[in-house]
């Protein structure tokens, strides 16, 4: 696939969207699915099968005032993800929570056992496309997910497309692909994000605005960068692994 100097538009320009049949969202945390909900909606409408695999508990991101203890926080975040996916329309049979081993800081341990578990997920689902965070990110779980995914993709004999997400913690990346969306879709996406009440309340407390506004601010920035007359856009860097067409 030849990438243009300006970002391709999902569903309009030639690119990976025309080839996606089996798409895995490899999510370090509950709520990473929702960050690219509009893109996932477009793919589902085009007939792609969607799967969500949530790797870590995300418990370290929950304030004690919201839930108590690792188990309570884990269950709260998983319930939030199930609620948002119900709003999206993704069946619970397509969602798995793994609760990977964590380090002392509450992040996914980059130990070989966790990498092996990621590889087992990928081998089980055999996706042609994987959506995951960019490796150039301030969040340790985001960085580690990409670093554990990349060796698997490089050893494959079949083509795999990785769509690396720009989110509020991405430090820098090349914008190859954009999914524009309008105000009505922004409101639908915001409702999904607010299902993550633990994160919404934490953002309101620490930043003065919720998780919905935090993500949509990034989407406005991407829209400006990608050009066109749309108000919002989700953005991705595209990496292709395996045989070149």
Protein backbone atom coordinates (compact mmCIF):
# COMPACT_ATOMS: atom_id res chain seq x y z
CA UNK A 1 0.00 0.00 0.00
CA UNK A 2 1.35 3.38 -0.99
CA UNK A 3 0.71 6.03 1.66
CA UNK A 4 0.16 9.59 0.55
CA UNK A 5 1.90 12.58 2.03
CA UNK A 6 -1.48 13.70 3.36
CA UNK A 7 -3.46 11.21 5.44
CA UNK A 8 -5.71 8.75 3.64
CA UNK A 9 -9.36 8.88 4.69
CA UNK A 10 -10.89 5.65 5.95
CA UNK A 11 -13.50 4.34 3.55
CA UNK A 12 -12.72 6.87 0.82
CA UNK A 13 -9.09 6.51 -0.22
CA UNK A 14 -7.27 3.32 -1.19
CA UNK A 15 -5.73 1.77 1.88
CA UNK A 16 -6.09 -0.89 4.55
CA UNK A 17 -9.78 -0.17 5.17
CA UNK A 18 -10.58 -1.94 1.90
CA UNK A 19 -8.89 -5.13 3.08
CA UNK A 20 -9.97 -5.43 6.72
CA UNK A 21 -12.00 -8.54 7.44
CA UNK A 22 -10.87 -9.63 10.90
CA UNK A 23 -9.84 -6.85 13.26
CA UNK A 24 -8.42 -7.21 16.75
CA UNK A 25 -8.37 -4.32 19.20
CA UNK A 26 -5.37 -5.14 21.40
CA UNK A 27 -6.20 -2.89 24.34
CA UNK A 28 -3.88 -2.42 27.31
CA UNK A 29 -6.79 -0.97 29.34
CA UNK A 30 -10.54 -0.90 29.49
CA UNK A 31 -11.52 2.25 27.50
CA UNK A 32 -8.87 1.94 24.74
CA UNK A 33 -11.60 0.49 22.48
CA UNK A 34 -13.69 3.63 22.92
CA UNK A 35 -10.87 5.96 21.85
CA UNK A 36 -11.35 4.73 18.26
CA UNK A 37 -15.07 3.88 18.45
CA UNK A 38 -16.00 5.69 15.23
CA UNK A 39 -13.38 3.83 13.20
CA UNK A 40 -14.57 0.54 14.68
CA UNK A 41 -18.15 1.43 13.83
CA UNK A 42 -17.13 2.11 10.22
CA UNK A 43 -15.31 -1.22 10.01
CA UNK A 44 -18.24 -3.14 11.50
CA UNK A 45 -20.63 -1.49 9.04
CA UNK A 46 -18.30 -2.56 6.20
CA UNK A 47 -18.54 -6.18 7.38
CA UNK A 48 -15.36 -6.61 9.43
CA UNK A 49 -15.38 -8.96 12.40
CA UNK A 50 -14.29 -7.12 15.56
CA UNK A 51 -12.61 -8.62 18.62
CA UNK A 52 -11.57 -6.88 21.84
CA UNK A 53 -8.86 -8.29 24.10
CA UNK A 54 -8.21 -6.20 27.23
CA UNK A 55 -4.78 -7.01 28.63
CA UNK A 56 -4.50 -5.31 32.03
CA UNK A 57 -6.88 -4.60 34.88
CA UNK A 58 -6.45 -0.83 34.66
CA UNK A 59 -6.93 -0.84 38.43
CA UNK A 60 -4.07 1.59 39.03
CA UNK A 61 -6.07 4.28 37.22
CA UNK A 62 -9.01 4.11 39.63
CA UNK A 63 -9.15 6.44 42.63
CA UNK A 64 -9.80 5.00 46.09
CA UNK A 65 -12.88 7.19 46.38
CA UNK A 66 -14.42 5.32 43.46
CA UNK A 67 -13.66 1.69 44.36
CA UNK A 68 -11.62 -0.14 46.98
CA UNK A 69 -8.85 -2.69 46.45
CA UNK A 70 -7.33 -4.18 43.30
CA UNK A 71 -10.22 -6.60 42.81
CA UNK A 72 -12.92 -3.97 43.30
CA UNK A 73 -11.21 -1.56 40.91
CA UNK A 74 -10.65 -4.30 38.32
CA UNK A 75 -14.29 -5.38 38.39
CA UNK A 76 -15.41 -1.75 38.13
CA UNK A 77 -13.33 -1.12 35.02
CA UNK A 78 -14.40 -4.35 33.34
CA UNK A 79 -18.06 -3.53 34.01
CA UNK A 80 -17.51 -0.10 32.44
CA UNK A 81 -16.03 -1.67 29.31
CA UNK A 82 -18.92 -4.10 29.02
CA UNK A 83 -21.38 -1.20 29.33
CA UNK A 84 -19.67 0.83 26.60
CA UNK A 85 -19.46 -2.19 24.29
CA UNK A 86 -23.17 -2.82 24.83
CA UNK A 87 -23.83 0.74 23.69
CA UNK A 88 -21.56 0.09 20.69
CA UNK A 89 -23.24 -3.23 19.89
CA UNK A 90 -20.23 -5.52 20.34
CA UNK A 91 -21.35 -8.90 21.76
CA UNK A 92 -19.78 -9.95 25.06
CA UNK A 93 -18.61 -13.13 23.30
CA UNK A 94 -16.15 -10.91 21.37
CA UNK A 95 -14.64 -9.42 24.56
CA UNK A 96 -11.99 -11.00 26.81
CA UNK A 97 -10.30 -9.63 29.92
CA UNK A 98 -6.86 -11.06 30.72
CA UNK A 99 -5.61 -9.27 33.87
CA UNK A 100 -1.92 -9.59 32.97
CA UNK A 101 0.68 -9.67 35.73
CA UNK A 102 1.69 -6.14 36.75
CA UNK A 103 4.87 -4.58 38.06
CA UNK A 104 5.23 -2.59 41.29
CA UNK A 105 3.98 0.54 39.53
CA UNK A 106 0.71 -1.09 38.52
CA UNK A 107 1.68 -1.39 34.85
CA UNK A 108 1.82 -4.55 32.76
CA UNK A 109 4.99 -6.43 33.51
CA UNK A 110 7.09 -6.68 30.31
CA UNK A 111 8.15 -10.19 31.32
CA UNK A 112 8.31 -13.00 28.71
CA UNK A 113 5.20 -14.62 30.20
CA UNK A 114 3.09 -11.61 29.24
CA UNK A 115 4.58 -11.44 25.76
CA UNK A 116 3.78 -15.14 25.33
CA UNK A 117 0.19 -14.47 26.34
CA UNK A 118 -0.11 -11.69 23.75
CA UNK A 119 1.31 -14.00 21.09
CA UNK A 120 -1.22 -16.67 22.11
CA UNK A 121 -4.06 -14.18 21.68
CA UNK A 122 -2.80 -13.22 18.23
CA UNK A 123 -2.29 -16.85 17.19
CA UNK A 124 -5.81 -17.75 18.37
CA UNK A 125 -7.59 -14.94 16.52
CA UNK A 126 -5.28 -14.63 13.48
CA UNK A 127 -6.34 -11.05 12.69
CA UNK A 128 -5.47 -9.39 9.40
CA UNK A 129 -5.56 -6.03 11.21
CA UNK A 130 -4.58 -5.10 14.76
CA UNK A 131 -5.52 -1.77 16.35
CA UNK A 132 -3.28 -0.88 19.28
CA UNK A 133 -1.51 2.09 20.90
CA UNK A 134 1.52 3.68 19.32
CA UNK A 135 4.87 2.69 20.81
CA UNK A 136 5.88 6.36 21.19
CA UNK A 137 3.64 7.06 24.16
CA UNK A 138 3.99 8.37 27.69
CA UNK A 139 2.00 5.46 29.12
CA UNK A 140 4.09 2.38 29.96
CA UNK A 141 1.28 -0.06 29.16
CA UNK A 142 0.84 1.50 25.73
CA UNK A 143 4.56 1.26 24.96
CA UNK A 144 4.84 -2.31 26.23
CA UNK A 145 1.83 -3.53 24.27
CA UNK A 146 3.39 -2.38 21.02
CA UNK A 147 6.83 -3.78 21.93
CA UNK A 148 5.34 -7.19 22.70
CA UNK A 149 3.19 -7.16 19.56
CA UNK A 150 5.89 -6.13 17.08
CA UNK A 151 8.06 -9.32 17.21
CA UNK A 152 4.96 -11.46 16.55
CA UNK A 153 4.02 -9.36 13.52
CA UNK A 154 7.57 -9.44 12.14
CA UNK A 155 7.75 -13.23 12.22
CA UNK A 156 4.45 -13.78 10.42
CA UNK A 157 4.43 -15.16 6.90
CA UNK A 158 1.02 -13.59 6.22
CA UNK A 159 0.42 -9.86 5.89
CA UNK A 160 -0.68 -8.06 9.04
CA UNK A 161 -1.66 -4.41 9.18
CA UNK A 162 -1.18 -2.52 12.45
CA UNK A 163 -3.20 0.66 12.98
CA UNK A 164 -1.37 2.56 15.72
CA UNK A 165 -3.68 4.92 17.55
CA UNK A 166 -3.12 8.58 18.32
CA UNK A 167 -4.59 9.18 21.77
CA UNK A 168 -4.11 11.81 24.50
CA UNK A 169 -0.83 10.19 25.64
CA UNK A 170 0.80 9.75 22.22
CA UNK A 171 4.03 11.76 22.09
CA UNK A 172 4.60 11.89 18.34
CA UNK A 173 3.63 9.84 15.30
CA UNK A 174 3.08 10.01 11.56
CA UNK A 175 -0.55 10.50 10.59
CA UNK A 176 -1.21 8.04 7.75
CA UNK A 177 -4.93 7.39 8.08
CA UNK A 178 -7.84 9.44 9.42
CA UNK A 179 -11.47 8.67 10.15
CA UNK A 180 -13.48 11.91 10.00
CA UNK A 181 -16.73 12.21 11.93
CA UNK A 182 -19.41 14.76 12.70
CA UNK A 183 -20.97 16.26 15.82
CA UNK A 184 -23.70 13.63 16.08
CA UNK A 185 -21.13 10.86 16.03
CA UNK A 186 -19.01 12.82 18.53
CA UNK A 187 -21.95 12.84 20.94
CA UNK A 188 -22.41 9.07 20.50
CA UNK A 189 -18.70 8.51 21.12
CA UNK A 190 -18.78 10.80 24.17
CA UNK A 191 -21.61 8.71 25.63
CA UNK A 192 -19.49 5.58 25.19
CA UNK A 193 -16.53 7.24 26.91
CA UNK A 194 -18.68 8.37 29.83
CA UNK A 195 -19.54 4.72 30.47
CA UNK A 196 -16.04 4.62 31.98
CA UNK A 197 -17.23 6.44 35.09
CA UNK A 198 -14.03 5.80 37.06
CA UNK A 199 -11.97 7.56 34.41
CA UNK A 200 -14.56 10.24 33.76
CA UNK A 201 -14.67 11.22 37.43
CA UNK A 202 -10.87 11.13 37.73
CA UNK A 203 -10.52 13.48 34.76
CA UNK A 204 -13.18 15.83 36.12
CA UNK A 205 -11.33 15.93 39.43
CA UNK A 206 -7.80 16.35 38.07
CA UNK A 207 -8.36 18.31 34.85
CA UNK A 208 -11.74 19.98 35.19
CA UNK A 209 -13.21 18.13 32.19
CA UNK A 210 -14.18 14.53 31.55
CA UNK A 211 -12.66 11.67 29.59
CA UNK A 212 -15.05 12.44 26.73
CA UNK A 213 -13.71 15.97 26.28
CA UNK A 214 -10.12 14.80 26.74
CA UNK A 215 -10.40 12.37 23.83
CA UNK A 216 -12.49 14.66 21.63
CA UNK A 217 -9.91 17.45 22.00
CA UNK A 218 -7.37 15.13 20.39
CA UNK A 219 -9.90 14.28 17.67
CA UNK A 220 -10.33 17.98 16.89
CA UNK A 221 -6.55 18.35 16.59
CA UNK A 222 -6.37 15.37 14.23
CA UNK A 223 -9.16 16.86 12.09
CA UNK A 224 -7.20 20.09 11.70
CA UNK A 225 -4.02 18.22 10.83
CA UNK A 226 -5.70 15.90 8.32
CA UNK A 227 -7.42 18.71 6.41
CA UNK A 228 -10.95 18.75 5.03
CA UNK A 229 -14.04 20.35 6.48
CA UNK A 230 -14.82 17.80 9.20
CA UNK A 231 -14.95 18.70 12.89
CA UNK A 232 -13.37 15.55 14.33
CA UNK A 233 -11.15 12.68 13.20
CA UNK A 234 -9.50 9.62 14.68
CA UNK A 235 -5.93 9.14 13.53
CA UNK A 236 -3.56 6.26 12.94
CA UNK A 237 -0.05 5.49 11.83
CA UNK A 238 -0.14 2.46 9.53
CA UNK A 239 2.49 -0.27 9.76
CA UNK A 240 2.47 -3.27 7.46
CA UNK A 241 4.18 -6.54 8.33
CA UNK A 242 4.76 -9.66 6.27
CA UNK A 243 4.76 -10.10 2.48
CA UNK A 244 4.44 -6.90 0.49
CA UNK A 245 1.78 -6.77 -2.18
